[in-house]
Amino acid sequence: MKALNPIIIKQIEDATDNNMHTGALAILAAVMGNNNMVVWLEWIDECHGLAGKMTQDLLEDRALVSKQVMEQAEATYSNFNDIYAAF
């Protein structure tokens, strides 16, 4: 099992620290090549901008995507605990 580059983990952490939770998930999904999740996260981010807030529906959609992305990351990376902690 490979480890995710600490530089990417730092990017995820920085995005999270700047309240860019959807963007942090998109970084992880993109690194793993999960383009379907990246597109879904971009849609969530666009809807967030149009609505001016994260609606309950958007939060629920993001939670679904997050679950899938995290499951993939856990199966892919030996340093998943570090990735998880970045969020």
N, C-alpha and C. Protein backbone atom coordinates (compact mmCIF):
# COMPACT_ATOMS: atom_id res chain seq x y z
N MET A 1 0.86 -1.18 0.00
CA MET A 1 0.00 0.00 0.00
C MET A 1 0.90 1.24 0.00
N LYS A 2 0.53 2.20 -0.80
CA LYS A 2 1.33 3.42 -0.92
C LYS A 2 0.87 4.48 0.08
N ALA A 3 1.72 5.46 0.29
CA ALA A 3 1.40 6.57 1.18
C ALA A 3 1.11 7.82 0.33
N LEU A 4 0.14 8.60 0.78
CA LEU A 4 -0.14 9.86 0.11
C LEU A 4 0.94 10.86 0.49
N ASN A 5 1.40 11.60 -0.49
CA ASN A 5 2.44 12.61 -0.30
C ASN A 5 2.02 13.60 0.80
N PRO A 6 2.89 13.83 1.78
CA PRO A 6 2.55 14.79 2.86
C PRO A 6 2.23 16.19 2.36
N ILE A 7 2.75 16.57 1.19
CA ILE A 7 2.44 17.88 0.63
C ILE A 7 0.95 17.96 0.28
N ILE A 8 0.40 16.87 -0.24
CA ILE A 8 -1.03 16.83 -0.56
C ILE A 8 -1.85 16.87 0.72
N ILE A 9 -1.40 16.14 1.72
CA ILE A 9 -2.11 16.16 3.02
C ILE A 9 -2.12 17.57 3.58
N LYS A 10 -1.03 18.30 3.44
CA LYS A 10 -0.96 19.69 3.91
C LYS A 10 -1.93 20.57 3.12
N GLN A 11 -2.07 20.33 1.81
CA GLN A 11 -3.03 21.09 1.00
C GLN A 11 -4.46 20.84 1.48
N ILE A 12 -4.75 19.58 1.80
CA ILE A 12 -6.08 19.23 2.33
C ILE A 12 -6.31 19.94 3.66
N GLU A 13 -5.30 19.90 4.52
CA GLU A 13 -5.39 20.56 5.83
C GLU A 13 -5.61 22.06 5.68
N ASP A 14 -4.87 22.69 4.77
CA ASP A 14 -5.01 24.13 4.55
C ASP A 14 -6.41 24.48 4.03
N ALA A 15 -6.92 23.66 3.10
CA ALA A 15 -8.26 23.91 2.58
C ALA A 15 -9.29 23.80 3.70
N THR A 16 -9.14 22.78 4.54
CA THR A 16 -10.06 22.60 5.66
C THR A 16 -9.97 23.77 6.63
N ASP A 17 -8.75 24.18 6.95
CA ASP A 17 -8.55 25.31 7.87
C ASP A 17 -9.17 26.60 7.34
N ASN A 18 -9.28 26.71 6.01
CA ASN A 18 -9.87 27.89 5.39
C ASN A 18 -11.35 27.69 5.06
N ASN A 19 -11.97 26.71 5.74
CA ASN A 19 -13.40 26.44 5.61
C ASN A 19 -13.79 26.03 4.19
N MET A 20 -12.87 25.40 3.49
CA MET A 20 -13.12 24.91 2.13
C MET A 20 -13.21 23.38 2.18
N HIS A 21 -14.21 22.88 2.88
CA HIS A 21 -14.34 21.45 3.12
C HIS A 21 -14.63 20.68 1.83
N THR A 22 -15.44 21.24 0.97
CA THR A 22 -15.73 20.60 -0.31
C THR A 22 -14.47 20.55 -1.16
N GLY A 23 -13.73 21.63 -1.16
CA GLY A 23 -12.47 21.68 -1.92
C GLY A 23 -11.45 20.70 -1.39
N ALA A 24 -11.40 20.52 -0.08
CA ALA A 24 -10.47 19.56 0.51
C ALA A 24 -10.79 18.15 0.03
N LEU A 25 -12.07 17.81 0.01
CA LEU A 25 -12.47 16.50 -0.51
C LEU A 25 -12.14 16.37 -1.99
N ALA A 26 -12.31 17.45 -2.75
CA ALA A 26 -12.01 17.42 -4.18
C ALA A 26 -10.52 17.19 -4.43
N ILE A 27 -9.67 17.75 -3.59
CA ILE A 27 -8.23 17.52 -3.72
C ILE A 27 -7.94 16.04 -3.57
N LEU A 28 -8.50 15.42 -2.55
CA LEU A 28 -8.26 14.01 -2.30
C LEU A 28 -8.83 13.15 -3.43
N ALA A 29 -10.04 13.44 -3.85
CA ALA A 29 -10.66 12.67 -4.93
C ALA A 29 -9.84 12.79 -6.21
N ALA A 30 -9.36 13.99 -6.51
CA ALA A 30 -8.57 14.21 -7.72
C ALA A 30 -7.26 13.43 -7.69
N VAL A 31 -6.60 13.44 -6.55
CA VAL A 31 -5.33 12.72 -6.42
C VAL A 31 -5.52 11.22 -6.65
N MET A 32 -6.68 10.73 -6.24
CA MET A 32 -6.96 9.31 -6.41
C MET A 32 -7.51 8.99 -7.80
N GLY A 33 -7.72 10.02 -8.62
CA GLY A 33 -8.23 9.81 -9.97
C GLY A 33 -9.72 9.52 -10.01
N ASN A 34 -10.44 9.87 -8.96
CA ASN A 34 -11.88 9.62 -8.89
C ASN A 34 -12.62 10.83 -9.48
N ASN A 35 -12.64 10.88 -10.80
CA ASN A 35 -13.20 12.04 -11.50
C ASN A 35 -14.69 12.20 -11.27
N ASN A 36 -15.42 11.10 -11.09
CA ASN A 36 -16.85 11.21 -10.81
C ASN A 36 -17.10 11.98 -9.52
N MET A 37 -16.32 11.71 -8.50
CA MET A 37 -16.49 12.42 -7.23
C MET A 37 -16.05 13.87 -7.36
N VAL A 38 -15.01 14.13 -8.15
CA VAL A 38 -14.56 15.52 -8.36
C VAL A 38 -15.69 16.32 -9.01
N VAL A 39 -16.32 15.76 -10.02
CA VAL A 39 -17.43 16.45 -10.70
C VAL A 39 -18.57 16.70 -9.73
N TRP A 40 -18.90 15.71 -8.93
CA TRP A 40 -19.98 15.85 -7.95
C TRP A 40 -19.64 16.96 -6.94
N LEU A 41 -18.40 16.98 -6.47
CA LEU A 41 -17.97 18.01 -5.51
C LEU A 41 -17.97 19.40 -6.14
N GLU A 42 -17.58 19.50 -7.40
CA GLU A 42 -17.63 20.80 -8.09
C GLU A 42 -19.08 21.28 -8.20
N TRP A 43 -20.00 20.34 -8.46
CA TRP A 43 -21.43 20.70 -8.54
C TRP A 43 -21.91 21.20 -7.17
N ILE A 44 -21.54 20.51 -6.11
CA ILE A 44 -21.92 20.92 -4.75
C ILE A 44 -21.38 22.32 -4.47
N ASP A 45 -20.13 22.57 -4.83
CA ASP A 45 -19.51 23.87 -4.59
C ASP A 45 -20.21 24.97 -5.40
N GLU A 46 -20.58 24.65 -6.64
CA GLU A 46 -21.29 25.62 -7.46
C GLU A 46 -22.67 25.94 -6.87
N CYS A 47 -23.38 24.92 -6.44
CA CYS A 47 -24.70 25.13 -5.82
C CYS A 47 -24.57 25.93 -4.53
N HIS A 48 -23.51 25.66 -3.78
CA HIS A 48 -23.24 26.40 -2.55
C HIS A 48 -23.09 27.89 -2.87
N GLY A 49 -22.35 28.19 -3.92
CA GLY A 49 -22.16 29.58 -4.32
C GLY A 49 -23.46 30.23 -4.76
N LEU A 50 -24.25 29.49 -5.52
CA LEU A 50 -25.53 30.05 -6.00
C LEU A 50 -26.51 30.27 -4.86
N ALA A 51 -26.54 29.34 -3.91
CA ALA A 51 -27.47 29.45 -2.78
C ALA A 51 -26.98 30.44 -1.73
N GLY A 52 -25.68 30.67 -1.72
CA GLY A 52 -25.11 31.58 -0.72
C GLY A 52 -24.89 30.92 0.63
N LYS A 53 -25.19 29.63 0.70
CA LYS A 53 -24.98 28.88 1.94
C LYS A 53 -25.02 27.39 1.60
N MET A 54 -24.57 26.59 2.54
CA MET A 54 -24.66 25.14 2.38
C MET A 54 -26.02 24.71 2.90
N THR A 55 -26.90 24.36 2.00
CA THR A 55 -28.23 23.89 2.41
C THR A 55 -28.11 22.49 3.01
N GLN A 56 -29.15 22.06 3.65
CA GLN A 56 -29.16 20.72 4.24
C GLN A 56 -28.97 19.65 3.16
N ASP A 57 -29.60 19.84 2.01
CA ASP A 57 -29.45 18.88 0.91
C ASP A 57 -28.00 18.82 0.44
N LEU A 58 -27.37 19.96 0.33
CA LEU A 58 -25.96 19.98 -0.10
C LEU A 58 -25.06 19.33 0.94
N LEU A 59 -25.34 19.58 2.21
CA LEU A 59 -24.57 18.94 3.27
C LEU A 59 -24.72 17.42 3.22
N GLU A 60 -25.92 16.96 2.96
CA GLU A 60 -26.16 15.52 2.86
C GLU A 60 -25.46 14.92 1.65
N ASP A 61 -25.50 15.64 0.51
CA ASP A 61 -24.78 15.17 -0.68
C ASP A 61 -23.28 15.09 -0.41
N ARG A 62 -22.75 16.13 0.23
CA ARG A 62 -21.32 16.13 0.52
C ARG A 62 -20.95 15.01 1.48
N ALA A 63 -21.81 14.71 2.42
CA ALA A 63 -21.54 13.61 3.35
C ALA A 63 -21.48 12.27 2.61
N LEU A 64 -22.34 12.09 1.62
CA LEU A 64 -22.31 10.87 0.82
C LEU A 64 -21.00 10.76 0.04
N VAL A 65 -20.61 11.85 -0.58
CA VAL A 65 -19.36 11.86 -1.34
C VAL A 65 -18.19 11.63 -0.40
N SER A 66 -18.21 12.31 0.74
CA SER A 66 -17.12 12.18 1.71
C SER A 66 -16.94 10.72 2.13
N LYS A 67 -18.03 10.05 2.39
CA LYS A 67 -17.97 8.64 2.80
C LYS A 67 -17.27 7.80 1.73
N GLN A 68 -17.66 8.00 0.48
CA GLN A 68 -17.07 7.23 -0.61
C GLN A 68 -15.59 7.56 -0.82
N VAL A 69 -15.26 8.84 -0.77
CA VAL A 69 -13.87 9.26 -0.97
C VAL A 69 -13.00 8.73 0.17
N MET A 70 -13.50 8.82 1.39
CA MET A 70 -12.73 8.35 2.54
C MET A 70 -12.54 6.83 2.50
N GLU A 71 -13.57 6.10 2.09
CA GLU A 71 -13.43 4.65 1.97
C GLU A 71 -12.37 4.28 0.94
N GLN A 72 -12.37 5.01 -0.18
CA GLN A 72 -11.36 4.77 -1.21
C GLN A 72 -9.97 5.10 -0.69
N ALA A 73 -9.85 6.22 0.01
CA ALA A 73 -8.54 6.62 0.55
C ALA A 73 -8.04 5.62 1.58
N GLU A 74 -8.93 5.12 2.41
CA GLU A 74 -8.52 4.15 3.43
C GLU A 74 -8.00 2.86 2.79
N ALA A 75 -8.63 2.47 1.68
CA ALA A 75 -8.20 1.26 0.98
C ALA A 75 -6.94 1.48 0.14
N THR A 76 -6.60 2.74 -0.11
CA THR A 76 -5.50 3.07 -1.01
C THR A 76 -4.22 3.46 -0.30
N TYR A 77 -4.33 4.18 0.81
CA TYR A 77 -3.16 4.80 1.42
C TYR A 77 -2.84 4.24 2.81
N SER A 78 -1.58 3.98 3.02
CA SER A 78 -1.12 3.46 4.32
C SER A 78 -1.19 4.53 5.40
N ASN A 79 -1.14 5.79 5.02
CA ASN A 79 -1.17 6.89 5.98
C ASN A 79 -2.57 7.54 6.04
N PHE A 80 -3.59 6.69 5.95
CA PHE A 80 -4.97 7.20 5.97
C PHE A 80 -5.26 8.00 7.24
N ASN A 81 -4.71 7.59 8.38
CA ASN A 81 -4.97 8.32 9.63
C ASN A 81 -4.51 9.77 9.52
N ASP A 82 -3.39 10.01 8.83
CA ASP A 82 -2.92 11.39 8.63
C ASP A 82 -3.86 12.15 7.70
N ILE A 83 -4.35 11.46 6.69
CA ILE A 83 -5.31 12.08 5.75
C ILE A 83 -6.57 12.46 6.50
N TYR A 84 -7.12 11.53 7.26
CA TYR A 84 -8.34 11.76 8.01
C TYR A 84 -8.17 12.93 8.98
N ALA A 85 -7.03 12.99 9.62
CA ALA A 85 -6.76 14.06 10.60
C ALA A 85 -6.70 15.43 9.92
N ALA A 86 -6.37 15.47 8.63
CA ALA A 86 -6.28 16.75 7.90
C ALA A 86 -7.65 17.37 7.71
N PHE A 87 -8.69 16.58 7.83
CA PHE A 87 -10.05 17.08 7.66
C PHE A 87 -10.60 17.59 8.98
